[in-house]
Amino acid sequence: MELLSSSAFWIGLLEVIGINIVLSGDNAVVIALAARSLPPEQQRRAIQFGSGAAVVLRILLTFMAAQLLQLPWLQIVGGCLLLWIGTQLLVSGDEGDAESKGPNSMMVAIRTILLADLVMSLDNVIAVAAAAQGNMVLLILGLAISIPLVIFGSTLIIKIMDRFPVIVTLGAALIGWVAGETITSDEMLKNIVASYPWIKYAASVLGALLVIAIGALWQRRSKSFQN
């Protein structure tokens, strides 16, 4: 009770929730892209399971994120993986209803959500852990509160995607942007980026353009095979 009556606790909780709202935007986009082609019932379950598991994953990563970020090549590999995920999500909705409604499609969507969140959360959990200042109750409570925020955000984005298909392309481009940013954050490139800060932004732009370009070529190739 003494903890709950502390003003520092409530201020810290607001900070954690605020950070999660800001940092969960890209995760909501990934969840929406991965689940958009599923039937309505599977879509809801994929969003719920994916969002909950992603938050739990962030809690676990908090214990090891600082050490993981010091490993060379980790974020380079993770960024390349995000480029692949962004391309896959961009074209996944155009490969036919039969495939999107298959028995394993929901598990594939959840697996994609977790894989992307694993890469995208390494930097994010550092900010959340800093706001919690070592208080695990505060950290877990703040992340738990963020679950419905991520679920609501993902559901809203799916509805927007259905009405405005261009949002799918913008969402995939966002993942490509994060991929470029992740690659240039690697320990191996730390000194280079410090000397040339513009490289970080250039890599982000290149990542976004790369995902869109590869996705467009993939879509064109798929349509040519279908014809």
C-alpha atoms as a PDB file:
ATOM      1  CA  MET A   1       0.000   0.000   0.000  1.00  0.00           C
ATOM      2  CA  GLU A   2       2.868   2.325   0.737  1.00  0.00           C
ATOM      3  CA  LEU A   3       4.083   1.787  -2.810  1.00  0.00           C
ATOM      4  CA  LEU A   4       0.685   2.718  -4.297  1.00  0.00           C
ATOM      5  CA  SER A   5       0.462   5.870  -2.165  1.00  0.00           C
ATOM      6  CA  SER A   6       3.810   7.140  -3.435  1.00  0.00           C
ATOM      7  CA  SER A   7       3.607  10.026  -5.906  1.00  0.00           C
ATOM      8  CA  ALA A   8       6.869   8.816  -7.489  1.00  0.00           C
ATOM      9  CA  PHE A   9       5.190   5.489  -8.263  1.00  0.00           C
ATOM     10  CA  TRP A  10       2.269   7.103 -10.090  1.00  0.00           C
ATOM     11  CA  ILE A  11       4.520   9.507 -11.962  1.00  0.00           C
ATOM     12  CA  GLY A  12       6.707   6.590 -13.006  1.00  0.00           C
ATOM     13  CA  LEU A  13       3.644   4.604 -14.071  1.00  0.00           C
ATOM     14  CA  LEU A  14       2.446   7.457 -16.275  1.00  0.00           C
ATOM     15  CA  GLU A  15       5.892   7.693 -17.825  1.00  0.00           C
ATOM     16  CA  VAL A  16       5.972   3.950 -18.558  1.00  0.00           C
ATOM     17  CA  ILE A  17       2.479   4.031 -20.102  1.00  0.00           C
ATOM     18  CA  GLY A  18       3.370   7.100 -22.170  1.00  0.00           C
ATOM     19  CA  ILE A  19       6.529   5.482 -23.491  1.00  0.00           C
ATOM     20  CA  ASN A  20       4.614   2.307 -24.348  1.00  0.00           C
ATOM     21  CA  ILE A  21       1.972   4.276 -26.243  1.00  0.00           C
ATOM     22  CA  VAL A  22       4.655   5.979 -28.323  1.00  0.00           C
ATOM     23  CA  LEU A  23       6.808   2.885 -28.855  1.00  0.00           C
ATOM     24  CA  SER A  24       3.917   0.507 -29.544  1.00  0.00           C
ATOM     25  CA  GLY A  25       2.909   2.258 -32.759  1.00  0.00           C
ATOM     26  CA  ASP A  26       5.236   0.220 -34.962  1.00  0.00           C
ATOM     27  CA  ASN A  27       4.234  -2.987 -33.154  1.00  0.00           C
ATOM     28  CA  ALA A  28       0.562  -2.249 -33.810  1.00  0.00           C
ATOM     29  CA  VAL A  29       1.379  -1.818 -37.503  1.00  0.00           C
ATOM     30  CA  VAL A  30       3.156  -5.199 -37.611  1.00  0.00           C
ATOM     31  CA  ILE A  31       0.233  -6.925 -35.860  1.00  0.00           C
ATOM     32  CA  ALA A  32      -2.283  -5.302 -38.212  1.00  0.00           C
ATOM     33  CA  LEU A  33      -0.302  -6.259 -41.320  1.00  0.00           C
ATOM     34  CA  ALA A  34       0.178  -9.844 -40.153  1.00  0.00           C
ATOM     35  CA  ALA A  35      -3.495 -10.351 -39.241  1.00  0.00           C
ATOM     36  CA  ARG A  36      -5.239  -8.384 -41.964  1.00  0.00           C
ATOM     37  CA  SER A  37      -5.739 -11.344 -44.345  1.00  0.00           C
ATOM     38  CA  LEU A  38      -7.208 -13.685 -41.729  1.00  0.00           C
ATOM     39  CA  PRO A  39     -10.960 -14.366 -41.303  1.00  0.00           C
ATOM     40  CA  PRO A  40     -12.572 -12.083 -38.668  1.00  0.00           C
ATOM     41  CA  GLU A  41     -12.548 -14.666 -35.847  1.00  0.00           C
ATOM     42  CA  GLN A  42      -8.924 -15.706 -36.440  1.00  0.00           C
ATOM     43  CA  GLN A  43      -8.030 -12.037 -36.871  1.00  0.00           C
ATOM     44  CA  ARG A  44      -9.288 -11.192 -33.378  1.00  0.00           C
ATOM     45  CA  ARG A  45      -7.493 -14.162 -31.837  1.00  0.00           C
ATOM     46  CA  ALA A  46      -4.235 -13.368 -33.646  1.00  0.00           C
ATOM     47  CA  ILE A  47      -4.376  -9.766 -32.411  1.00  0.00           C
ATOM     48  CA  GLN A  48      -5.103 -10.831 -28.822  1.00  0.00           C
ATOM     49  CA  PHE A  49      -2.496 -13.595 -28.655  1.00  0.00           C
ATOM     50  CA  GLY A  50       0.081 -11.610 -30.622  1.00  0.00           C
ATOM     51  CA  SER A  51      -0.343  -8.455 -28.528  1.00  0.00           C
ATOM     52  CA  GLY A  52      -0.263 -10.288 -25.197  1.00  0.00           C
ATOM     53  CA  ALA A  53       2.719 -12.425 -26.135  1.00  0.00           C
ATOM     54  CA  ALA A  54       4.571  -9.400 -27.500  1.00  0.00           C
ATOM     55  CA  VAL A  55       4.197  -7.531 -24.194  1.00  0.00           C
ATOM     56  CA  VAL A  56       5.358 -10.588 -22.229  1.00  0.00           C
ATOM     57  CA  LEU A  57       8.314 -10.809 -24.583  1.00  0.00           C
ATOM     58  CA  ARG A  58       9.191  -7.205 -23.800  1.00  0.00           C
ATOM     59  CA  ILE A  59       9.174  -7.961 -20.081  1.00  0.00           C
ATOM     60  CA  LEU A  60      11.585 -10.855 -20.591  1.00  0.00           C
ATOM     61  CA  LEU A  61      13.809  -8.786 -22.864  1.00  0.00           C
ATOM     62  CA  THR A  62      14.104  -6.089 -20.204  1.00  0.00           C
ATOM     63  CA  PHE A  63      16.366  -8.357 -18.169  1.00  0.00           C
ATOM     64  CA  MET A  64      18.827  -8.865 -21.019  1.00  0.00           C
ATOM     65  CA  ALA A  65      18.385  -5.995 -23.484  1.00  0.00           C
ATOM     66  CA  ALA A  66      21.338  -3.944 -22.244  1.00  0.00           C
ATOM     67  CA  GLN A  67      23.675  -6.935 -22.657  1.00  0.00           C
ATOM     68  CA  LEU A  68      22.206  -7.993 -26.012  1.00  0.00           C
ATOM     69  CA  LEU A  69      22.658  -4.523 -27.496  1.00  0.00           C
ATOM     70  CA  GLN A  70      26.406  -4.815 -26.899  1.00  0.00           C
ATOM     71  CA  LEU A  71      26.708  -7.941 -29.075  1.00  0.00           C
ATOM     72  CA  PRO A  72      28.218  -7.136 -32.498  1.00  0.00           C
ATOM     73  CA  TRP A  73      26.212  -8.035 -35.619  1.00  0.00           C
ATOM     74  CA  LEU A  74      23.031  -8.743 -33.623  1.00  0.00           C
ATOM     75  CA  GLN A  75      21.149  -5.650 -34.774  1.00  0.00           C
ATOM     76  CA  ILE A  76      22.513  -5.941 -38.306  1.00  0.00           C
ATOM     77  CA  VAL A  77      21.062  -9.451 -38.549  1.00  0.00           C
ATOM     78  CA  GLY A  78      17.863  -8.266 -36.846  1.00  0.00           C
ATOM     79  CA  GLY A  79      17.503  -5.343 -39.255  1.00  0.00           C
ATOM     80  CA  CYS A  80      17.914  -7.618 -42.266  1.00  0.00           C
ATOM     81  CA  LEU A  81      15.273  -9.901 -40.761  1.00  0.00           C
ATOM     82  CA  LEU A  82      12.907  -6.935 -40.461  1.00  0.00           C
ATOM     83  CA  LEU A  83      13.457  -6.115 -44.143  1.00  0.00           C
ATOM     84  CA  TRP A  84      12.374  -9.644 -45.005  1.00  0.00           C
ATOM     85  CA  ILE A  85       9.358  -9.457 -42.660  1.00  0.00           C
ATOM     86  CA  GLY A  86       8.269  -6.109 -44.125  1.00  0.00           C
ATOM     87  CA  THR A  87       8.392  -7.519 -47.651  1.00  0.00           C
ATOM     88  CA  GLN A  88       6.491 -10.661 -46.608  1.00  0.00           C
ATOM     89  CA  LEU A  89       3.764  -8.641 -44.897  1.00  0.00           C
ATOM     90  CA  LEU A  90       3.398  -6.358 -47.901  1.00  0.00           C
ATOM     91  CA  VAL A  91       2.577  -9.214 -50.271  1.00  0.00           C
ATOM     92  CA  SER A  92       0.881 -11.661 -47.875  1.00  0.00           C
ATOM     93  CA  GLY A  93      -2.575 -10.260 -48.512  1.00  0.00           C
ATOM     94  CA  ASP A  94      -2.340 -10.800 -52.263  1.00  0.00           C
ATOM     95  CA  GLU A  95      -1.642 -14.511 -52.385  1.00  0.00           C
ATOM     96  CA  GLY A  96      -5.211 -15.802 -52.340  1.00  0.00           C
ATOM     97  CA  ASP A  97      -8.003 -16.369 -49.853  1.00  0.00           C
ATOM     98  CA  ALA A  98      -7.409 -20.111 -49.609  1.00  0.00           C
ATOM     99  CA  GLU A  99      -3.940 -19.654 -48.215  1.00  0.00           C
ATOM    100  CA  SER A 100      -4.943 -16.865 -45.826  1.00  0.00           C
ATOM    101  CA  LYS A 101      -7.703 -19.036 -44.362  1.00  0.00           C
ATOM    102  CA  GLY A 102      -5.636 -22.179 -43.919  1.00  0.00           C
ATOM    103  CA  PRO A 103      -5.528 -23.953 -40.556  1.00  0.00           C
ATOM    104  CA  ASN A 104      -1.968 -22.811 -39.816  1.00  0.00           C
ATOM    105  CA  SER A 105      -2.382 -19.218 -40.998  1.00  0.00           C
ATOM    106  CA  MET A 106      -3.138 -17.792 -37.538  1.00  0.00           C
ATOM    107  CA  MET A 107      -0.050 -19.425 -36.030  1.00  0.00           C
ATOM    108  CA  VAL A 108       2.025 -18.046 -38.910  1.00  0.00           C
ATOM    109  CA  ALA A 109       0.654 -14.552 -38.177  1.00  0.00           C
ATOM    110  CA  ILE A 110       1.420 -14.846 -34.450  1.00  0.00           C
ATOM    111  CA  ARG A 111       4.910 -16.163 -35.197  1.00  0.00           C
ATOM    112  CA  THR A 112       5.532 -13.208 -37.523  1.00  0.00           C
ATOM    113  CA  ILE A 113       4.322 -10.766 -34.854  1.00  0.00           C
ATOM    114  CA  LEU A 114       6.617 -12.243 -32.204  1.00  0.00           C
ATOM    115  CA  LEU A 115       9.611 -12.399 -34.529  1.00  0.00           C
ATOM    116  CA  ALA A 116       9.230  -8.763 -35.557  1.00  0.00           C
ATOM    117  CA  ASP A 117       8.604  -7.631 -31.981  1.00  0.00           C
ATOM    118  CA  LEU A 118      11.701  -9.483 -30.799  1.00  0.00           C
ATOM    119  CA  VAL A 119      13.849  -7.390 -33.121  1.00  0.00           C
ATOM    120  CA  MET A 120      11.989  -4.099 -32.680  1.00  0.00           C
ATOM    121  CA  SER A 121      11.815  -4.247 -28.882  1.00  0.00           C
ATOM    122  CA  LEU A 122      15.515  -4.341 -28.010  1.00  0.00           C
ATOM    123  CA  ASP A 123      15.865  -0.560 -28.059  1.00  0.00           C
ATOM    124  CA  ASN A 124      12.342   0.064 -26.786  1.00  0.00           C
ATOM    125  CA  VAL A 125      12.697  -1.870 -23.544  1.00  0.00           C
ATOM    126  CA  ILE A 126      15.751   0.202 -22.610  1.00  0.00           C
ATOM    127  CA  ALA A 127      13.561   3.327 -22.540  1.00  0.00           C
ATOM    128  CA  VAL A 128      10.826   1.582 -20.560  1.00  0.00           C
ATOM    129  CA  ALA A 129      13.299   0.135 -18.049  1.00  0.00           C
ATOM    130  CA  ALA A 130      14.846   3.576 -17.560  1.00  0.00           C
ATOM    131  CA  ALA A 131      11.438   5.083 -16.744  1.00  0.00           C
ATOM    132  CA  ALA A 132      10.679   2.243 -14.297  1.00  0.00           C
ATOM    133  CA  GLN A 133      14.026   2.843 -12.538  1.00  0.00           C
ATOM    134  CA  GLY A 134      14.406  -0.796 -11.559  1.00  0.00           C
ATOM    135  CA  ASN A 135      10.891  -1.145 -10.122  1.00  0.00           C
ATOM    136  CA  MET A 136       9.674  -4.442 -11.641  1.00  0.00           C
ATOM    137  CA  VAL A 137       6.134  -3.967 -10.275  1.00  0.00           C
ATOM    138  CA  LEU A 138       5.951  -0.638 -12.068  1.00  0.00           C
ATOM    139  CA  LEU A 139       7.426  -2.101 -15.241  1.00  0.00           C
ATOM    140  CA  ILE A 140       5.096  -5.109 -15.437  1.00  0.00           C
ATOM    141  CA  LEU A 141       2.017  -3.076 -14.475  1.00  0.00           C
ATOM    142  CA  GLY A 142       2.775  -0.442 -17.094  1.00  0.00           C
ATOM    143  CA  LEU A 143       3.290  -3.043 -19.804  1.00  0.00           C
ATOM    144  CA  ALA A 144       0.116  -4.899 -18.786  1.00  0.00           C
ATOM    145  CA  ILE A 145      -1.888  -1.704 -19.127  1.00  0.00           C
ATOM    146  CA  SER A 146      -0.402  -1.207 -22.594  1.00  0.00           C
ATOM    147  CA  ILE A 147      -1.858  -4.525 -23.873  1.00  0.00           C
ATOM    148  CA  PRO A 148      -5.357  -3.144 -24.603  1.00  0.00           C
ATOM    149  CA  LEU A 149      -3.746  -0.085 -26.177  1.00  0.00           C
ATOM    150  CA  VAL A 150      -1.839  -2.277 -28.637  1.00  0.00           C
ATOM    151  CA  ILE A 151      -4.927  -4.408 -29.328  1.00  0.00           C
ATOM    152  CA  PHE A 152      -7.096  -1.344 -29.954  1.00  0.00           C
ATOM    153  CA  GLY A 153      -4.416   0.222 -32.140  1.00  0.00           C
ATOM    154  CA  SER A 154      -4.027  -2.936 -34.235  1.00  0.00           C
ATOM    155  CA  THR A 155      -7.793  -3.313 -34.707  1.00  0.00           C
ATOM    156  CA  LEU A 156      -8.128   0.325 -35.728  1.00  0.00           C
ATOM    157  CA  ILE A 157      -5.242   0.081 -38.204  1.00  0.00           C
ATOM    158  CA  ILE A 158      -6.784  -3.032 -39.830  1.00  0.00           C
ATOM    159  CA  LYS A 159     -10.047  -1.143 -40.357  1.00  0.00           C
ATOM    160  CA  ILE A 160      -8.139   1.771 -41.870  1.00  0.00           C
ATOM    161  CA  MET A 161      -6.205  -0.629 -44.121  1.00  0.00           C
ATOM    162  CA  ASP A 162      -9.449  -2.138 -45.394  1.00  0.00           C
ATOM    163  CA  ARG A 163     -10.718   1.317 -46.323  1.00  0.00           C
ATOM    164  CA  PHE A 164      -7.444   2.780 -47.561  1.00  0.00           C
ATOM    165  CA  PRO A 165      -5.186   0.021 -49.035  1.00  0.00           C
ATOM    166  CA  VAL A 166      -2.308   2.487 -49.404  1.00  0.00           C
ATOM    167  CA  ILE A 167      -1.871   2.234 -45.614  1.00  0.00           C
ATOM    168  CA  VAL A 168      -0.590  -1.325 -46.160  1.00  0.00           C
ATOM    169  CA  THR A 169       2.270   0.042 -48.240  1.00  0.00           C
ATOM    170  CA  LEU A 170       2.979   2.790 -45.707  1.00  0.00           C
ATOM    171  CA  GLY A 171       2.982   0.220 -42.893  1.00  0.00           C
ATOM    172  CA  ALA A 172       5.459  -1.999 -44.719  1.00  0.00           C
ATOM    173  CA  ALA A 173       7.599   1.084 -45.417  1.00  0.00           C
ATOM    174  CA  LEU A 174       7.574   1.865 -41.673  1.00  0.00           C
ATOM    175  CA  ILE A 175       8.966  -1.604 -40.947  1.00  0.00           C
ATOM    176  CA  GLY A 176      11.659  -1.006 -43.570  1.00  0.00           C
ATOM    177  CA  TRP A 177      12.464   2.348 -41.923  1.00  0.00           C
ATOM    178  CA  VAL A 178      12.845   0.661 -38.524  1.00  0.00           C
ATOM    179  CA  ALA A 179      15.013  -2.014 -40.173  1.00  0.00           C
ATOM    180  CA  GLY A 180      17.455   0.573 -41.492  1.00  0.00           C
ATOM    181  CA  GLU A 181      17.530   2.302 -38.121  1.00  0.00           C
ATOM    182  CA  THR A 182      18.147  -1.023 -36.370  1.00  0.00           C
ATOM    183  CA  ILE A 183      21.056  -1.938 -38.649  1.00  0.00           C
ATOM    184  CA  THR A 184      22.849   1.377 -38.071  1.00  0.00           C
ATOM    185  CA  SER A 185      22.378   1.018 -34.290  1.00  0.00           C
ATOM    186  CA  ASP A 186      24.603  -2.064 -34.198  1.00  0.00           C
ATOM    187  CA  GLU A 187      27.711  -1.975 -32.022  1.00  0.00           C
ATOM    188  CA  MET A 188      29.908  -2.633 -35.077  1.00  0.00           C
ATOM    189  CA  LEU A 189      28.743   0.590 -36.760  1.00  0.00           C
ATOM    190  CA  LYS A 190      28.712   2.763 -33.639  1.00  0.00           C
ATOM    191  CA  ASN A 191      31.840   4.770 -34.464  1.00  0.00           C
ATOM    192  CA  ILE A 192      30.944   5.218 -38.134  1.00  0.00           C
ATOM    193  CA  VAL A 193      27.450   6.507 -37.337  1.00  0.00           C
ATOM    194  CA  ALA A 194      28.866   8.815 -34.653  1.00  0.00           C
ATOM    195  CA  SER A 195      31.168  10.369 -37.277  1.00  0.00           C
ATOM    196  CA  TYR A 196      28.494  10.541 -39.984  1.00  0.00           C
ATOM    197  CA  PRO A 197      25.065  10.903 -38.305  1.00  0.00           C
ATOM    198  CA  TRP A 198      23.302  11.238 -41.677  1.00  0.00           C
ATOM    199  CA  ILE A 199      23.987   7.534 -42.327  1.00  0.00           C
ATOM    200  CA  LYS A 200      21.269   6.582 -39.836  1.00  0.00           C
ATOM    201  CA  TYR A 201      18.610   8.558 -41.701  1.00  0.00           C
ATOM    202  CA  ALA A 202      19.864   7.439 -45.100  1.00  0.00           C
ATOM    203  CA  ALA A 203      19.695   3.792 -44.019  1.00  0.00           C
ATOM    204  CA  SER A 204      16.139   4.284 -42.735  1.00  0.00           C
ATOM    205  CA  VAL A 205      15.007   5.818 -46.028  1.00  0.00           C
ATOM    206  CA  LEU A 206      16.802   3.093 -47.988  1.00  0.00           C
ATOM    207  CA  GLY A 207      15.172   0.389 -45.863  1.00  0.00           C
ATOM    208  CA  ALA A 208      11.689   1.806 -46.491  1.00  0.00           C
ATOM    209  CA  LEU A 209      12.287   2.120 -50.247  1.00  0.00           C
ATOM    210  CA  LEU A 210      13.807  -1.364 -50.416  1.00  0.00           C
ATOM    211  CA  VAL A 211      10.775  -3.017 -48.809  1.00  0.00           C
ATOM    212  CA  ILE A 212       8.375  -1.189 -51.133  1.00  0.00           C
ATOM    213  CA  ALA A 213      10.461  -1.965 -54.241  1.00  0.00           C
ATOM    214  CA  ILE A 214      10.930  -5.670 -53.479  1.00  0.00           C
ATOM    215  CA  GLY A 215       7.285  -5.987 -52.462  1.00  0.00           C
ATOM    216  CA  ALA A 216       6.124  -4.373 -55.704  1.00  0.00           C
ATOM    217  CA  LEU A 217       8.336  -6.672 -57.792  1.00  0.00           C
ATOM    218  CA  TRP A 218       7.119  -9.694 -55.853  1.00  0.00           C
ATOM    219  CA  GLN A 219       3.476  -8.720 -56.364  1.00  0.00           C
ATOM    220  CA  ARG A 220       4.039  -8.198 -60.088  1.00  0.00           C
ATOM    221  CA  ARG A 221       5.754 -11.561 -60.404  1.00  0.00           C
ATOM    222  CA  SER A 222       2.949 -13.340 -58.508  1.00  0.00           C
ATOM    223  CA  LYS A 223       0.313 -11.803 -60.777  1.00  0.00           C
ATOM    224  CA  SER A 224       2.244 -12.806 -63.895  1.00  0.00           C
ATOM    225  CA  PHE A 225       2.380 -16.426 -62.677  1.00  0.00           C
ATOM    226  CA  GLN A 226      -1.355 -16.401 -61.911  1.00  0.00           C
ATOM    227  CA  ASN A 227      -2.114 -15.147 -65.412  1.00  0.00           C
END
